[in-house]
Amino acid sequence: MPGPVEIADEVRDAFIQPPISHRCDDFIDRYEAVRASLRALTGAPNAALLTGSGTLANEVVAGCLEGPGVVLVNGEFGQRIARQAARWELPLRVLDWPWGTPWDLEAAGRAMEDHGAKWVWGVHLETSMGLVNDIQGLCRVARGHNVKVCLDCISSLGAVPTDLRDVWLATGVSGKALGSYAGVAMVFAAEVPKPSHKIPTYLDLANAMGTIGPCFTFPSPLLLALEKALGLRPDYAPLGKLVRQKLRELGTPPLVEEPAAAPIVTTFVPPRPSFVQECRELGYSIGGESGYLAKRGLVQIANMGAVRADQIEQLFDQLA
């Protein structure tokens, strides 16, 4: 599944430890160490942890944006951040491409220029299609137009190299490729933003980045599980390649091929409508029940977290 993901035994053991106070010295030290690990992983100078989902993290980003901007959409999660930006009544230009089609960066640059954009926002790894977008190219184009880059890195963090040194704001979560439980939202920043409009207390990014330890209650099981998961860091590329190879052998090729194929989730048209149920009867839960997938008749096989190659082999052996 693309979420919840397979949890390693070590991460599960950390999660079930007796809870500790989020105000005690041990918790604060470990909280700050996790933040430091995330900064080292991404190159971002600042990182904030919040209790919530990726949608919350993107809401925090939206609350920091001011003036006109451009949102790049080539899948469900690009559409979601466009809807979130619209809720904040930002002057918005949305660039749409067919799902799974890489960004046209020349068109994006023209849109930034024509719209007088101050920021551009896109999804690094578009989970709905299993597509890795070109963030290095986007940063180059945006730099040429003096535009700040914002990224949804919710699925890319821990899955592919994620260099955020040229990115103004970016989001991540604990419950995807980092291989932990859902519930920790992350916001990375090149600088601590100072928005001029009023921000709800819980969405105040400057406050979250300026404290030692959490601003508000933070469940220790989520922190300790994330701490353990950050020490595991599996290599997903061979597993993703195996899934795509097995799908081709089954006669159901992935919708996104190399080099843009994501290593942690593969989307395809199932060979028959009963495919998700057949997999479930064999003991495997795969993606396909989300509304945006069901509407398009698509399914996904994800290999995030503690997924092993032999599990993938066994699934396809039984399907064959």
C-alpha atoms as a PDB file:
ATOM      1  CA  MET A   1       0.000   0.000   0.000  1.00  0.00           C
ATOM      2  CA  PRO A   2       1.120   3.624  -0.493  1.00  0.00           C
ATOM      3  CA  GLY A   3      -0.043   4.167   3.083  1.00  0.00           C
ATOM      4  CA  PRO A   4      -0.037   2.791   5.678  1.00  0.00           C
ATOM      5  CA  VAL A   5       3.324   1.326   4.721  1.00  0.00           C
ATOM      6  CA  GLU A   6       5.026  -1.857   5.886  1.00  0.00           C
ATOM      7  CA  ILE A   7       6.600  -1.233   9.309  1.00  0.00           C
ATOM      8  CA  ALA A   8       9.957  -2.771  10.246  1.00  0.00           C
ATOM      9  CA  ASP A   9      10.113  -4.692  13.525  1.00  0.00           C
ATOM     10  CA  GLU A  10      12.613  -2.199  14.976  1.00  0.00           C
ATOM     11  CA  VAL A  11      10.265   0.711  14.225  1.00  0.00           C
ATOM     12  CA  ARG A  12       7.295  -1.135  15.724  1.00  0.00           C
ATOM     13  CA  ASP A  13       9.292  -1.904  18.878  1.00  0.00           C
ATOM     14  CA  ALA A  14      10.191   1.772  19.261  1.00  0.00           C
ATOM     15  CA  PHE A  15       6.562   2.790  18.825  1.00  0.00           C
ATOM     16  CA  ILE A  16       5.282   0.553  21.640  1.00  0.00           C
ATOM     17  CA  GLN A  17       7.705   1.843  24.284  1.00  0.00           C
ATOM     18  CA  PRO A  18       6.006   3.485  27.307  1.00  0.00           C
ATOM     19  CA  PRO A  19       5.223   7.124  26.465  1.00  0.00           C
ATOM     20  CA  ILE A  20       7.388   9.904  27.838  1.00  0.00           C
ATOM     21  CA  SER A  21       6.574  13.554  28.402  1.00  0.00           C
ATOM     22  CA  HIS A  22       7.192  15.866  25.470  1.00  0.00           C
ATOM     23  CA  ARG A  23       8.568  18.393  27.993  1.00  0.00           C
ATOM     24  CA  CYS A  24      11.259  16.189  29.541  1.00  0.00           C
ATOM     25  CA  ASP A  25      14.930  16.591  28.658  1.00  0.00           C
ATOM     26  CA  ASP A  26      15.254  13.144  27.060  1.00  0.00           C
ATOM     27  CA  PHE A  27      12.344  13.796  24.700  1.00  0.00           C
ATOM     28  CA  ILE A  28      13.585  17.264  23.739  1.00  0.00           C
ATOM     29  CA  ASP A  29      17.100  15.955  23.036  1.00  0.00           C
ATOM     30  CA  ARG A  30      15.739  13.216  20.796  1.00  0.00           C
ATOM     31  CA  TYR A  31      13.306  15.600  19.113  1.00  0.00           C
ATOM     32  CA  GLU A  32      16.135  17.956  18.228  1.00  0.00           C
ATOM     33  CA  ALA A  33      18.294  15.045  17.031  1.00  0.00           C
ATOM     34  CA  VAL A  34      15.502  13.962  14.659  1.00  0.00           C
ATOM     35  CA  ARG A  35      15.274  17.498  13.313  1.00  0.00           C
ATOM     36  CA  ALA A  36      19.045  17.515  12.793  1.00  0.00           C
ATOM     37  CA  SER A  37      18.862  14.179  10.942  1.00  0.00           C
ATOM     38  CA  LEU A  38      16.174  15.551   8.642  1.00  0.00           C
ATOM     39  CA  ARG A  39      18.202  18.673   7.935  1.00  0.00           C
ATOM     40  CA  ALA A  40      21.211  16.503   7.095  1.00  0.00           C
ATOM     41  CA  LEU A  41      19.072  14.301   4.835  1.00  0.00           C
ATOM     42  CA  THR A  42      17.738  17.243   2.812  1.00  0.00           C
ATOM     43  CA  GLY A  43      20.298  20.029   3.139  1.00  0.00           C
ATOM     44  CA  ALA A  44      17.552  22.345   4.374  1.00  0.00           C
ATOM     45  CA  PRO A  45      18.753  24.850   6.991  1.00  0.00           C
ATOM     46  CA  ASN A  46      15.504  24.671   8.978  1.00  0.00           C
ATOM     47  CA  ALA A  47      13.022  21.908   9.799  1.00  0.00           C
ATOM     48  CA  ALA A  48       9.797  21.907  11.800  1.00  0.00           C
ATOM     49  CA  LEU A  49       7.867  18.886  13.091  1.00  0.00           C
ATOM     50  CA  LEU A  50       4.117  18.999  13.601  1.00  0.00           C
ATOM     51  CA  THR A  51       1.592  16.404  14.652  1.00  0.00           C
ATOM     52  CA  GLY A  52      -0.527  15.779  11.563  1.00  0.00           C
ATOM     53  CA  SER A  53      -0.647  14.623   7.977  1.00  0.00           C
ATOM     54  CA  GLY A  54       1.002  15.819   4.790  1.00  0.00           C
ATOM     55  CA  THR A  55      -2.079  17.890   4.085  1.00  0.00           C
ATOM     56  CA  LEU A  56      -1.397  19.829   7.299  1.00  0.00           C
ATOM     57  CA  ALA A  57       2.211  20.402   6.236  1.00  0.00           C
ATOM     58  CA  ASN A  58       1.039  21.757   2.875  1.00  0.00           C
ATOM     59  CA  GLU A  59      -1.466  23.970   4.686  1.00  0.00           C
ATOM     60  CA  VAL A  60       1.431  25.479   6.633  1.00  0.00           C
ATOM     61  CA  VAL A  61       3.227  26.215   3.352  1.00  0.00           C
ATOM     62  CA  ALA A  62       0.119  27.779   1.835  1.00  0.00           C
ATOM     63  CA  GLY A  63      -0.165  30.037   4.876  1.00  0.00           C
ATOM     64  CA  CYS A  64       3.337  31.379   4.187  1.00  0.00           C
ATOM     65  CA  LEU A  65       2.685  32.302   0.542  1.00  0.00           C
ATOM     66  CA  GLU A  66       1.961  35.853  -0.526  1.00  0.00           C
ATOM     67  CA  GLY A  67       1.298  37.420  -3.894  1.00  0.00           C
ATOM     68  CA  PRO A  68       0.777  35.691  -7.243  1.00  0.00           C
ATOM     69  CA  GLY A  69       2.088  32.193  -7.823  1.00  0.00           C
ATOM     70  CA  VAL A  70       2.037  29.175 -10.133  1.00  0.00           C
ATOM     71  CA  VAL A  71       1.062  25.608  -9.231  1.00  0.00           C
ATOM     72  CA  LEU A  72       2.212  22.733 -11.460  1.00  0.00           C
ATOM     73  CA  VAL A  73      -0.267  19.866 -11.806  1.00  0.00           C
ATOM     74  CA  ASN A  74       0.331  16.475 -13.432  1.00  0.00           C
ATOM     75  CA  GLY A  75      -1.495  14.242 -10.963  1.00  0.00           C
ATOM     76  CA  GLU A  76      -3.856  14.089  -8.005  1.00  0.00           C
ATOM     77  CA  PHE A  77      -1.503  15.607  -5.461  1.00  0.00           C
ATOM     78  CA  GLY A  78      -0.661  18.580  -7.667  1.00  0.00           C
ATOM     79  CA  GLN A  79      -4.394  19.181  -7.881  1.00  0.00           C
ATOM     80  CA  ARG A  80      -4.652  19.017  -4.113  1.00  0.00           C
ATOM     81  CA  ILE A  81      -2.055  21.706  -3.486  1.00  0.00           C
ATOM     82  CA  ALA A  82      -3.768  23.868  -6.128  1.00  0.00           C
ATOM     83  CA  ARG A  83      -7.019  23.515  -4.178  1.00  0.00           C
ATOM     84  CA  GLN A  84      -5.260  24.350  -0.919  1.00  0.00           C
ATOM     85  CA  ALA A  85      -3.640  27.450  -2.419  1.00  0.00           C
ATOM     86  CA  ALA A  86      -7.057  28.537  -3.750  1.00  0.00           C
ATOM     87  CA  ARG A  87      -8.558  28.203  -0.256  1.00  0.00           C
ATOM     88  CA  TRP A  88      -6.065  30.831   0.921  1.00  0.00           C
ATOM     89  CA  GLU A  89      -7.354  33.118  -1.864  1.00  0.00           C
ATOM     90  CA  LEU A  90      -3.910  33.471  -3.404  1.00  0.00           C
ATOM     91  CA  PRO A  91      -3.642  34.967  -6.927  1.00  0.00           C
ATOM     92  CA  LEU A  92      -3.093  31.645  -8.636  1.00  0.00           C
ATOM     93  CA  ARG A  93      -2.114  30.354 -12.069  1.00  0.00           C
ATOM     94  CA  VAL A  94      -2.512  26.581 -12.435  1.00  0.00           C
ATOM     95  CA  LEU A  95      -0.579  24.784 -15.172  1.00  0.00           C
ATOM     96  CA  ASP A  96      -2.163  21.414 -16.003  1.00  0.00           C
ATOM     97  CA  TRP A  97      -0.744  18.487 -17.945  1.00  0.00           C
ATOM     98  CA  PRO A  98      -2.248  15.023 -18.448  1.00  0.00           C
ATOM     99  CA  TRP A  99      -1.619  12.811 -15.446  1.00  0.00           C
ATOM    100  CA  GLY A 100       1.817  11.217 -15.625  1.00  0.00           C
ATOM    101  CA  THR A 101       3.192  13.738 -18.148  1.00  0.00           C
ATOM    102  CA  PRO A 102       6.443  15.412 -17.016  1.00  0.00           C
ATOM    103  CA  TRP A 103       6.374  19.158 -16.434  1.00  0.00           C
ATOM    104  CA  ASP A 104       7.039  21.392 -19.426  1.00  0.00           C
ATOM    105  CA  LEU A 105       9.552  23.673 -17.732  1.00  0.00           C
ATOM    106  CA  GLU A 106       9.629  26.167 -20.600  1.00  0.00           C
ATOM    107  CA  ALA A 107       5.877  26.613 -20.224  1.00  0.00           C
ATOM    108  CA  ALA A 108       6.331  26.901 -16.469  1.00  0.00           C
ATOM    109  CA  GLY A 109       8.892  29.659 -16.943  1.00  0.00           C
ATOM    110  CA  ARG A 110       6.560  31.568 -19.277  1.00  0.00           C
ATOM    111  CA  ALA A 111       3.743  31.248 -16.759  1.00  0.00           C
ATOM    112  CA  MET A 112       5.952  32.630 -13.997  1.00  0.00           C
ATOM    113  CA  GLU A 113       6.876  35.593 -16.185  1.00  0.00           C
ATOM    114  CA  ASP A 114       3.363  36.296 -17.481  1.00  0.00           C
ATOM    115  CA  HIS A 115       1.740  35.943 -14.053  1.00  0.00           C
ATOM    116  CA  GLY A 116       4.360  37.993 -12.216  1.00  0.00           C
ATOM    117  CA  ALA A 117       4.845  35.026  -9.934  1.00  0.00           C
ATOM    118  CA  LYS A 118       6.607  35.304  -6.623  1.00  0.00           C
ATOM    119  CA  TRP A 119       6.473  31.539  -5.978  1.00  0.00           C
ATOM    120  CA  VAL A 120       5.956  28.236  -7.781  1.00  0.00           C
ATOM    121  CA  TRP A 121       4.678  25.065  -6.099  1.00  0.00           C
ATOM    122  CA  GLY A 122       4.795  21.478  -7.325  1.00  0.00           C
ATOM    123  CA  VAL A 123       4.990  17.841  -6.245  1.00  0.00           C
ATOM    124  CA  HIS A 124       8.403  16.168  -6.326  1.00  0.00           C
ATOM    125  CA  LEU A 125       7.128  12.568  -6.470  1.00  0.00           C
ATOM    126  CA  GLU A 126       3.571  12.486  -7.804  1.00  0.00           C
ATOM    127  CA  THR A 127       2.272   9.458  -5.924  1.00  0.00           C
ATOM    128  CA  SER A 128      -0.904   9.096  -7.974  1.00  0.00           C
ATOM    129  CA  MET A 129       1.086   8.162 -11.088  1.00  0.00           C
ATOM    130  CA  GLY A 130       4.417   6.993  -9.671  1.00  0.00           C
ATOM    131  CA  LEU A 131       6.231   9.886 -11.391  1.00  0.00           C
ATOM    132  CA  VAL A 132       9.355  11.699 -10.205  1.00  0.00           C
ATOM    133  CA  ASN A 133       9.281  15.313 -11.372  1.00  0.00           C
ATOM    134  CA  ASP A 134      12.393  17.305 -12.302  1.00  0.00           C
ATOM    135  CA  ILE A 135      12.937  19.556  -9.304  1.00  0.00           C
ATOM    136  CA  GLN A 136      16.493  20.493 -10.267  1.00  0.00           C
ATOM    137  CA  GLY A 137      15.190  21.792 -13.579  1.00  0.00           C
ATOM    138  CA  LEU A 138      12.375  23.630 -11.846  1.00  0.00           C
ATOM    139  CA  CYS A 139      14.820  25.311  -9.467  1.00  0.00           C
ATOM    140  CA  ARG A 140      16.962  26.479 -12.408  1.00  0.00           C
ATOM    141  CA  VAL A 141      13.967  27.958 -14.211  1.00  0.00           C
ATOM    142  CA  ALA A 142      12.593  29.599 -11.077  1.00  0.00           C
ATOM    143  CA  ARG A 143      15.974  31.091 -10.222  1.00  0.00           C
ATOM    144  CA  GLY A 144      16.067  32.721 -13.649  1.00  0.00           C
ATOM    145  CA  HIS A 145      12.769  34.438 -12.897  1.00  0.00           C
ATOM    146  CA  ASN A 146      13.579  35.289  -9.246  1.00  0.00           C
ATOM    147  CA  VAL A 147      10.759  33.001  -8.087  1.00  0.00           C
ATOM    148  CA  LYS A 148      10.744  31.021  -4.822  1.00  0.00           C
ATOM    149  CA  VAL A 149      10.281  27.244  -5.142  1.00  0.00           C
ATOM    150  CA  CYS A 150       7.924  25.288  -2.883  1.00  0.00           C
ATOM    151  CA  LEU A 151       7.737  21.497  -3.051  1.00  0.00           C
ATOM    152  CA  ASP A 152       5.523  18.702  -1.824  1.00  0.00           C
ATOM    153  CA  CYS A 153       8.146  16.052  -0.947  1.00  0.00           C
ATOM    154  CA  ILE A 154       5.712  13.889   0.983  1.00  0.00           C
ATOM    155  CA  SER A 155       6.481  10.719  -0.990  1.00  0.00           C
ATOM    156  CA  SER A 156       9.957  11.584  -2.258  1.00  0.00           C
ATOM    157  CA  LEU A 157      11.574  12.105   1.151  1.00  0.00           C
ATOM    158  CA  GLY A 158      13.555   8.950   1.820  1.00  0.00           C
ATOM    159  CA  ALA A 159      12.728   7.469  -1.596  1.00  0.00           C
ATOM    160  CA  VAL A 160      14.932   9.489  -3.948  1.00  0.00           C
ATOM    161  CA  PRO A 161      17.703  12.053  -3.387  1.00  0.00           C
ATOM    162  CA  THR A 162      15.971  15.179  -2.091  1.00  0.00           C
ATOM    163  CA  ASP A 163      18.264  18.209  -2.146  1.00  0.00           C
ATOM    164  CA  LEU A 164      16.343  21.164  -0.729  1.00  0.00           C
ATOM    165  CA  ARG A 165      19.177  23.693  -0.577  1.00  0.00           C
ATOM    166  CA  ASP A 166      17.615  25.738  -3.425  1.00  0.00           C
ATOM    167  CA  VAL A 167      14.032  25.252  -2.208  1.00  0.00           C
ATOM    168  CA  TRP A 168      12.278  27.907  -0.152  1.00  0.00           C
ATOM    169  CA  LEU A 169       9.674  25.650   1.510  1.00  0.00           C
ATOM    170  CA  ALA A 170       9.066  21.908   1.290  1.00  0.00           C
ATOM    171  CA  THR A 171       6.938  19.322   3.067  1.00  0.00           C
ATOM    172  CA  GLY A 172       7.418  15.730   4.166  1.00  0.00           C
ATOM    173  CA  VAL A 173       5.846  13.095   6.403  1.00  0.00           C
ATOM    174  CA  SER A 174       6.854  10.164   8.580  1.00  0.00           C
ATOM    175  CA  GLY A 175       4.474   7.618   7.091  1.00  0.00           C
ATOM    176  CA  LYS A 176       5.652   7.198   3.501  1.00  0.00           C
ATOM    177  CA  ALA A 177       9.139   6.316   2.250  1.00  0.00           C
ATOM    178  CA  LEU A 178      10.746   7.061   5.614  1.00  0.00           C
ATOM    179  CA  GLY A 179       8.983   3.876   6.697  1.00  0.00           C
ATOM    180  CA  SER A 180       7.390   4.967   9.963  1.00  0.00           C
ATOM    181  CA  TYR A 181       3.853   5.501  11.196  1.00  0.00           C
ATOM    182  CA  ALA A 182       1.744   8.317   9.808  1.00  0.00           C
ATOM    183  CA  GLY A 183       1.280  11.301  12.075  1.00  0.00           C
ATOM    184  CA  VAL A 184       4.390  13.491  11.860  1.00  0.00           C
ATOM    185  CA  ALA A 185       4.213  16.354   9.368  1.00  0.00           C
ATOM    186  CA  MET A 186       7.429  18.121   8.357  1.00  0.00           C
ATOM    187  CA  VAL A 187       8.139  21.525   6.851  1.00  0.00           C
ATOM    188  CA  PHE A 188      11.611  22.428   5.603  1.00  0.00           C
ATOM    189  CA  ALA A 189      12.671  26.001   4.930  1.00  0.00           C
ATOM    190  CA  ALA A 190      15.632  27.835   3.441  1.00  0.00           C
ATOM    191  CA  GLU A 191      14.749  30.708   5.744  1.00  0.00           C
ATOM    192  CA  VAL A 192      12.218  31.259   8.484  1.00  0.00           C
ATOM    193  CA  PRO A 193       9.263  32.921   6.694  1.00  0.00           C
ATOM    194  CA  LYS A 194       7.644  36.057   8.023  1.00  0.00           C
ATOM    195  CA  PRO A 195       4.168  36.260   6.479  1.00  0.00           C
ATOM    196  CA  SER A 196       2.336  39.537   6.821  1.00  0.00           C
ATOM    197  CA  HIS A 197      -1.163  38.060   7.082  1.00  0.00           C
ATOM    198  CA  LYS A 198      -2.561  36.431  10.206  1.00  0.00           C
ATOM    199  CA  ILE A 199      -1.753  32.750  10.680  1.00  0.00           C
ATOM    200  CA  PRO A 200      -3.592  30.356  13.011  1.00  0.00           C
ATOM    201  CA  THR A 201      -1.411  29.432  15.981  1.00  0.00           C
ATOM    202  CA  TYR A 202      -0.933  25.817  14.947  1.00  0.00           C
ATOM    203  CA  LEU A 203       0.120  26.840  11.412  1.00  0.00           C
ATOM    204  CA  ASP A 204       2.724  29.372  12.575  1.00  0.00           C
ATOM    205  CA  LEU A 205       5.870  27.986  10.954  1.00  0.00           C
ATOM    206  CA  ALA A 206       8.188  30.639  12.408  1.00  0.00           C
ATOM    207  CA  ASN A 207       7.042  29.668  15.886  1.00  0.00           C
ATOM    208  CA  ALA A 208       7.543  25.936  15.219  1.00  0.00           C
ATOM    209  CA  MET A 209      11.047  26.534  13.889  1.00  0.00           C
ATOM    210  CA  GLY A 210      12.070  28.932  16.628  1.00  0.00           C
ATOM    211  CA  THR A 211      11.538  26.656  19.625  1.00  0.00           C
ATOM    212  CA  ILE A 212      13.752  24.002  21.193  1.00  0.00           C
ATOM    213  CA  GLY A 213      11.476  20.979  21.397  1.00  0.00           C
ATOM    214  CA  PRO A 214       7.852  21.012  20.219  1.00  0.00           C
ATOM    215  CA  CYS A 215       5.517  23.971  20.623  1.00  0.00           C
ATOM    216  CA  PHE A 216       2.596  21.752  21.572  1.00  0.00           C
ATOM    217  CA  THR A 217       1.863  18.195  22.671  1.00  0.00           C
ATOM    218  CA  PHE A 218       3.822  15.700  20.578  1.00  0.00           C
ATOM    219  CA  PRO A 219       3.250  11.939  21.050  1.00  0.00           C
ATOM    220  CA  SER A 220       6.503  10.217  21.986  1.00  0.00           C
ATOM    221  CA  PRO A 221       5.615   6.951  20.160  1.00  0.00           C
ATOM    222  CA  LEU A 222       5.584   8.820  16.841  1.00  0.00           C
ATOM    223  CA  LEU A 223       8.910  10.509  17.582  1.00  0.00           C
ATOM    224  CA  LEU A 224      10.676   7.340  18.730  1.00  0.00           C
ATOM    225  CA  ALA A 225       9.396   5.350  15.749  1.00  0.00           C
ATOM    226  CA  LEU A 226      10.571   8.065  13.351  1.00  0.00           C
ATOM    227  CA  GLU A 227      13.931   8.228  15.113  1.00  0.00           C
ATOM    228  CA  LYS A 228      14.417   4.497  14.535  1.00  0.00           C
ATOM    229  CA  ALA A 229      13.173   4.627  10.941  1.00  0.00           C
ATOM    230  CA  LEU A 230      15.645   7.365  10.047  1.00  0.00           C
ATOM    231  CA  GLY A 231      18.440   4.966  10.966  1.00  0.00           C
ATOM    232  CA  LEU A 232      17.250   2.255   8.549  1.00  0.00           C
ATOM    233  CA  ARG A 233      17.017   4.055   5.181  1.00  0.00           C
ATOM    234  CA  PRO A 234      16.311   1.180   2.726  1.00  0.00           C
ATOM    235  CA  ASP A 235      17.362   1.323  -0.934  1.00  0.00           C
ATOM    236  CA  TYR A 236      14.060   1.251  -2.815  1.00  0.00           C
ATOM    237  CA  ALA A 237      15.387   1.372  -6.382  1.00  0.00           C
ATOM    238  CA  PRO A 238      15.877  -2.415  -6.850  1.00  0.00           C
ATOM    239  CA  LEU A 239      12.406  -3.135  -5.460  1.00  0.00           C
ATOM    240  CA  GLY A 240      10.721  -0.590  -7.740  1.00  0.00           C
ATOM    241  CA  LYS A 241      12.580  -1.982 -10.734  1.00  0.00           C
ATOM    242  CA  LEU A 242      11.445  -5.497  -9.785  1.00  0.00           C
ATOM    243  CA  VAL A 243       7.788  -4.427  -9.549  1.00  0.00           C
ATOM    244  CA  ARG A 244       7.919  -2.793 -12.988  1.00  0.00           C
ATOM    245  CA  GLN A 245       9.661  -5.814 -14.513  1.00  0.00           C
ATOM    246  CA  LYS A 246       7.081  -8.218 -13.085  1.00  0.00           C
ATOM    247  CA  LEU A 247       4.208  -6.052 -14.295  1.00  0.00           C
ATOM    248  CA  ARG A 248       5.601  -6.098 -17.842  1.00  0.00           C
ATOM    249  CA  GLU A 249       5.889  -9.888 -17.669  1.00  0.00           C
ATOM    250  CA  LEU A 250       2.265  -9.993 -16.546  1.00  0.00           C
ATOM    251  CA  GLY A 251       1.267  -7.921 -19.592  1.00  0.00           C
ATOM    252  CA  THR A 252       0.298  -4.842 -17.536  1.00  0.00           C
ATOM    253  CA  PRO A 253       3.087  -2.287 -18.056  1.00  0.00           C
ATOM    254  CA  PRO A 254       3.519   0.636 -15.646  1.00  0.00           C
ATOM    255  CA  LEU A 255       2.110   3.976 -16.743  1.00  0.00           C
ATOM    256  CA  VAL A 256       5.421   5.722 -16.045  1.00  0.00           C
ATOM    257  CA  GLU A 257       8.663   4.240 -17.330  1.00  0.00           C
ATOM    258  CA  GLU A 258      12.319   5.043 -16.670  1.00  0.00           C
ATOM    259  CA  PRO A 259      13.910   7.463 -16.024  1.00  0.00           C
ATOM    260  CA  ALA A 260      10.932   9.216 -14.411  1.00  0.00           C
ATOM    261  CA  ALA A 261       9.489   6.111 -12.692  1.00  0.00           C
ATOM    262  CA  ALA A 262       9.248   6.364  -8.913  1.00  0.00           C
ATOM    263  CA  PRO A 263      11.107   3.662  -6.971  1.00  0.00           C
ATOM    264  CA  ILE A 264       8.407   3.308  -4.302  1.00  0.00           C
ATOM    265  CA  VAL A 265       5.038   3.229  -6.099  1.00  0.00           C
ATOM    266  CA  THR A 266       3.974   1.951  -9.525  1.00  0.00           C
ATOM    267  CA  THR A 267       0.611   2.779 -11.107  1.00  0.00           C
ATOM    268  CA  PHE A 268      -0.938   0.664 -13.856  1.00  0.00           C
ATOM    269  CA  VAL A 269      -4.199  -0.347 -15.504  1.00  0.00           C
ATOM    270  CA  PRO A 270      -5.201  -3.673 -13.953  1.00  0.00           C
ATOM    271  CA  PRO A 271      -5.664  -6.668 -16.260  1.00  0.00           C
ATOM    272  CA  ARG A 272      -9.230  -7.130 -14.966  1.00  0.00           C
ATOM    273  CA  PRO A 273     -11.624  -5.260 -12.662  1.00  0.00           C
ATOM    274  CA  SER A 274     -11.293  -7.853  -9.897  1.00  0.00           C
ATOM    275  CA  PHE A 275      -7.508  -7.454  -9.631  1.00  0.00           C
ATOM    276  CA  VAL A 276      -7.413  -5.638  -6.251  1.00  0.00           C
ATOM    277  CA  GLN A 277      -9.743  -8.219  -4.719  1.00  0.00           C
ATOM    278  CA  GLU A 278      -7.702 -11.088  -6.178  1.00  0.00           C
ATOM    279  CA  CYS A 279      -4.558  -9.678  -4.587  1.00  0.00           C
ATOM    280  CA  ARG A 280      -6.363  -9.295  -1.264  1.00  0.00           C
ATOM    281  CA  GLU A 281      -7.478 -12.940  -1.376  1.00  0.00           C
ATOM    282  CA  LEU A 282      -3.843 -13.926  -1.908  1.00  0.00           C
ATOM    283  CA  GLY A 283      -2.908 -11.972   1.225  1.00  0.00           C
ATOM    284  CA  TYR A 284      -1.699  -8.712  -0.350  1.00  0.00           C
ATOM    285  CA  SER A 285      -3.252  -5.258   0.037  1.00  0.00           C
ATOM    286  CA  ILE A 286      -2.478  -3.001  -2.921  1.00  0.00           C
ATOM    287  CA  GLY A 287      -3.614   0.521  -3.757  1.00  0.00           C
ATOM    288  CA  GLY A 288      -6.784   1.015  -5.742  1.00  0.00           C
ATOM    289  CA  GLU A 289      -9.559   2.019  -3.377  1.00  0.00           C
ATOM    290  CA  SER A 290      -8.737   5.742  -3.226  1.00  0.00           C
ATOM    291  CA  GLY A 291     -11.357   7.742  -5.073  1.00  0.00           C
ATOM    292  CA  TYR A 292      -8.915   9.302  -7.530  1.00  0.00           C
ATOM    293  CA  LEU A 293      -7.626   5.843  -8.544  1.00  0.00           C
ATOM    294  CA  ALA A 294     -10.998   4.094  -8.632  1.00  0.00           C
ATOM    295  CA  LYS A 295     -12.451   6.887 -10.776  1.00  0.00           C
ATOM    296  CA  ARG A 296      -9.778   6.262 -13.427  1.00  0.00           C
ATOM    297  CA  GLY A 297      -9.674   2.494 -13.128  1.00  0.00           C
ATOM    298  CA  LEU A 298      -6.065   2.504 -11.873  1.00  0.00           C
ATOM    299  CA  VAL A 299      -4.277   0.490  -9.218  1.00  0.00           C
ATOM    300  CA  GLN A 300      -0.880   0.730  -7.531  1.00  0.00           C
ATOM    301  CA  ILE A 301       1.734  -1.515  -6.030  1.00  0.00           C
ATOM    302  CA  ALA A 302       3.818   0.294  -3.433  1.00  0.00           C
ATOM    303  CA  ASN A 303       7.041  -0.950  -1.864  1.00  0.00           C
ATOM    304  CA  MET A 304       7.553   1.624   0.885  1.00  0.00           C
ATOM    305  CA  GLY A 305       8.837   0.667   4.284  1.00  0.00           C
ATOM    306  CA  ALA A 306       9.880  -2.874   5.168  1.00  0.00           C
ATOM    307  CA  VAL A 307       8.924  -4.557   1.891  1.00  0.00           C
ATOM    308  CA  ARG A 308      11.187  -7.394   0.729  1.00  0.00           C
ATOM    309  CA  ALA A 309      11.980  -8.640  -2.757  1.00  0.00           C
ATOM    310  CA  ASP A 310      10.743 -12.149  -1.910  1.00  0.00           C
ATOM    311  CA  GLN A 311       7.299 -10.741  -1.023  1.00  0.00           C
ATOM    312  CA  ILE A 312       7.091  -9.094  -4.448  1.00  0.00           C
ATOM    313  CA  GLU A 313       8.252 -12.311  -6.156  1.00  0.00           C
ATOM    314  CA  GLN A 314       5.650 -14.357  -4.256  1.00  0.00           C
ATOM    315  CA  LEU A 315       2.806 -12.016  -5.222  1.00  0.00           C
ATOM    316  CA  PHE A 316       3.604 -12.204  -8.917  1.00  0.00           C
ATOM    317  CA  ASP A 317       4.260 -15.955  -8.814  1.00  0.00           C
ATOM    318  CA  GLN A 318       0.749 -16.443  -7.416  1.00  0.00           C
ATOM    319  CA  LEU A 319      -0.778 -14.025  -9.937  1.00  0.00           C
ATOM    320  CA  ALA A 320       0.953 -15.855 -12.791  1.00  0.00           C
END
